[in-house]
Amino acid sequence: MRLWYKTVVCARWDNLQDVRQDYPHADGIRTTDGGTLTVFNIGGNKYRLVARIRYDYGLVNVRAVLTHAEYNSGRWKE
């Protein structure tokens, strides 16, 4: 988590392609309200970090940090 945080604090991302320069396996997920969340594999791929990135403001808001089992259950989408 610390490495992810340090990377994000210094990042200047304008879109998902920029994010993938630092995190090649980051994925964009559509939400029911039409927004997009970005999912990162962290902790040696043990965990999934779900964040909303506001590229226009340079903000990253962490929505959830989950194990793969918790992520796969899909309850975090509710």
C-alpha atoms as a PDB file:
ATOM      1  CA  MET A   1       0.000   0.000   0.000  1.00  0.00           C
ATOM      2  CA  ARG A   2       2.808   2.420   0.820  1.00  0.00           C
ATOM      3  CA  LEU A   3       4.426   1.985  -2.568  1.00  0.00           C
ATOM      4  CA  TRP A   4       1.048   2.477  -4.290  1.00  0.00           C
ATOM      5  CA  TYR A   5       0.439   5.627  -2.228  1.00  0.00           C
ATOM      6  CA  LYS A   6       3.878   7.083  -3.011  1.00  0.00           C
ATOM      7  CA  THR A   7       3.370   6.396  -6.707  1.00  0.00           C
ATOM      8  CA  VAL A   8      -0.072   8.024  -6.733  1.00  0.00           C
ATOM      9  CA  VAL A   9       1.050  11.124  -4.836  1.00  0.00           C
ATOM     10  CA  CYS A  10       3.742  11.804  -7.441  1.00  0.00           C
ATOM     11  CA  ALA A  11       1.674  10.782 -10.472  1.00  0.00           C
ATOM     12  CA  ARG A  12       0.339  13.188 -13.101  1.00  0.00           C
ATOM     13  CA  TRP A  13      -2.223  10.992 -14.820  1.00  0.00           C
ATOM     14  CA  ASP A  14      -4.556  12.342 -17.493  1.00  0.00           C
ATOM     15  CA  ASN A  15      -6.282   9.071 -18.396  1.00  0.00           C
ATOM     16  CA  LEU A  16      -6.253   5.306 -17.860  1.00  0.00           C
ATOM     17  CA  GLN A  17      -3.431   4.866 -20.361  1.00  0.00           C
ATOM     18  CA  ASP A  18      -1.244   7.079 -18.147  1.00  0.00           C
ATOM     19  CA  VAL A  19      -2.179   4.978 -15.109  1.00  0.00           C
ATOM     20  CA  ARG A  20      -1.168   1.856 -17.007  1.00  0.00           C
ATOM     21  CA  GLN A  21       2.326   3.274 -17.501  1.00  0.00           C
ATOM     22  CA  ASP A  22       2.769   2.803 -13.730  1.00  0.00           C
ATOM     23  CA  TYR A  23       0.288  -0.065 -13.228  1.00  0.00           C
ATOM     24  CA  PRO A  24      -0.040  -2.105 -16.448  1.00  0.00           C
ATOM     25  CA  HIS A  25      -2.823  -4.285 -15.030  1.00  0.00           C
ATOM     26  CA  ALA A  26      -5.068  -1.439 -13.849  1.00  0.00           C
ATOM     27  CA  ASP A  27      -8.609  -1.774 -15.167  1.00  0.00           C
ATOM     28  CA  GLY A  28     -11.410   0.709 -15.657  1.00  0.00           C
ATOM     29  CA  ILE A  29     -14.809  -0.525 -14.425  1.00  0.00           C
ATOM     30  CA  ARG A  30     -18.110   1.199 -15.306  1.00  0.00           C
ATOM     31  CA  THR A  31     -20.465   1.891 -12.408  1.00  0.00           C
ATOM     32  CA  THR A  32     -24.245   1.824 -12.529  1.00  0.00           C
ATOM     33  CA  ASP A  33     -24.346   5.636 -12.351  1.00  0.00           C
ATOM     34  CA  GLY A  34     -22.203   5.954 -15.480  1.00  0.00           C
ATOM     35  CA  GLY A  35     -18.951   6.730 -13.689  1.00  0.00           C
ATOM     36  CA  THR A  36     -15.710   4.810 -13.850  1.00  0.00           C
ATOM     37  CA  LEU A  37     -13.672   3.207 -11.107  1.00  0.00           C
ATOM     38  CA  THR A  38     -10.097   2.027 -11.493  1.00  0.00           C
ATOM     39  CA  VAL A  39      -9.052  -1.324 -10.027  1.00  0.00           C
ATOM     40  CA  PHE A  40      -5.418  -1.882  -9.055  1.00  0.00           C
ATOM     41  CA  ASN A  41      -3.754  -5.189  -8.133  1.00  0.00           C
ATOM     42  CA  ILE A  42      -1.573  -4.461  -5.088  1.00  0.00           C
ATOM     43  CA  GLY A  43       0.347  -6.303  -2.419  1.00  0.00           C
ATOM     44  CA  GLY A  44       1.917  -8.806  -4.773  1.00  0.00           C
ATOM     45  CA  ASN A  45      -1.490  -9.272  -6.406  1.00  0.00           C
ATOM     46  CA  LYS A  46      -3.031 -10.356  -3.077  1.00  0.00           C
ATOM     47  CA  TYR A  47      -5.413  -7.411  -2.919  1.00  0.00           C
ATOM     48  CA  ARG A  48      -7.535  -5.223  -5.156  1.00  0.00           C
ATOM     49  CA  LEU A  49      -7.709  -1.504  -4.546  1.00  0.00           C
ATOM     50  CA  VAL A  50     -10.749   0.209  -6.057  1.00  0.00           C
ATOM     51  CA  ALA A  51     -10.459   3.967  -6.610  1.00  0.00           C
ATOM     52  CA  ARG A  52     -12.259   6.804  -8.327  1.00  0.00           C
ATOM     53  CA  ILE A  53      -9.784   8.964 -10.217  1.00  0.00           C
ATOM     54  CA  ARG A  54     -10.693  12.553 -11.075  1.00  0.00           C
ATOM     55  CA  TYR A  55      -8.138  13.273 -13.766  1.00  0.00           C
ATOM     56  CA  ASP A  56      -9.384  16.849 -14.181  1.00  0.00           C
ATOM     57  CA  TYR A  57      -8.561  17.649 -10.521  1.00  0.00           C
ATOM     58  CA  GLY A  58      -5.673  15.237  -9.961  1.00  0.00           C
ATOM     59  CA  LEU A  59      -7.580  13.444  -7.184  1.00  0.00           C
ATOM     60  CA  VAL A  60      -7.613   9.757  -6.332  1.00  0.00           C
ATOM     61  CA  ASN A  61     -10.256   8.587  -3.852  1.00  0.00           C
ATOM     62  CA  VAL A  62      -9.893   5.047  -2.508  1.00  0.00           C
ATOM     63  CA  ARG A  63     -13.285   3.345  -2.440  1.00  0.00           C
ATOM     64  CA  ALA A  64     -12.234  -0.084  -1.156  1.00  0.00           C
ATOM     65  CA  VAL A  65      -9.277  -2.364  -0.485  1.00  0.00           C
ATOM     66  CA  LEU A  66     -10.353  -5.980  -0.914  1.00  0.00           C
ATOM     67  CA  THR A  67      -8.999  -9.485  -1.102  1.00  0.00           C
ATOM     68  CA  HIS A  68      -9.556 -11.208  -4.436  1.00  0.00           C
ATOM     69  CA  ALA A  69     -12.413 -13.228  -2.907  1.00  0.00           C
ATOM     70  CA  GLU A  70     -14.133 -10.065  -1.643  1.00  0.00           C
ATOM     71  CA  TYR A  71     -13.651  -8.391  -5.002  1.00  0.00           C
ATOM     72  CA  ASN A  72     -15.007 -11.396  -6.903  1.00  0.00           C
ATOM     73  CA  SER A  73     -18.144 -11.479  -4.720  1.00  0.00           C
ATOM     74  CA  GLY A  74     -19.148  -8.168  -6.327  1.00  0.00           C
ATOM     75  CA  ARG A  75     -20.734  -6.724  -3.170  1.00  0.00           C
ATOM     76  CA  TRP A  76     -18.385  -3.736  -3.353  1.00  0.00           C
ATOM     77  CA  LYS A  77     -20.341  -2.536  -6.409  1.00  0.00           C
ATOM     78  CA  GLU A  78     -23.497  -1.940  -4.348  1.00  0.00           C
END
